[in-house]
């Protein structure tokens, strides 16, 4: 893609773990990761500062542990995000992009602890920062973690790359007549219980005026199009 002009200076991309699993639905699909990394490289080359938060659902979701203590199950989910983050770091660095993984749980043998000022310093040095382990607290989703980190780094936008091409008034997999929103405000997302992101994440972004763009990762060059302001997905904001 030529003559690209980014709309945003600093972004946080939230990737679902399931999206990285591809059609298998679990584990990691190297072809999917390669496609994502190719786009991130082009965005990075445009001078955009990039943070990533990656879910862990391709390995483990807290709700899988039905007979398990919730805190233990959620901590296992945090560890799953580290595996995805390390895989993404490796793929990015193979493309020559300096990358750092920061974790909310301390595990200095494999990653840095999450420190906001250090993350901002990495941006100044042209590095991508992958923020793992959610918030480090149980009972918090990676949506909430992505929202919190986006607010902390003062991202221009939180980009939620999903397995679906936007936000609908009902589940399009169940209801073929579901209507897709091009734009919706946070109040309606929260009031109507729209399953775009969890309510905590939506409230946090609303209060800190961070817009969210939810779109499908499967669409060709969707990350690049999103960064350049092309019309796709659904925008959530306070307007």
Foldseek 3Di string as FASTA:
>chain_A
DPPFDFPWQEEEEEEEPQQQCPPVSADGDVVSLLQVLVLVVVVLVNNHAYEYEYWQRNHADLVVPVVDDSFVSLQVRLVSRVVVVVVSCVSNVVVVAAEFEAECDDDVVRHHHDDLVVSVVCSVVSHYYYYTSQNVGGPDGNLQSQLVSCLSNVTQAYEYADQAAAFWPDDCVVPVPTDGAQEDELVCCLVVVGVPDDNNSSVSCAVSFHKYFYGYSPPRSPVSCVRRVHRTYYIYGHD
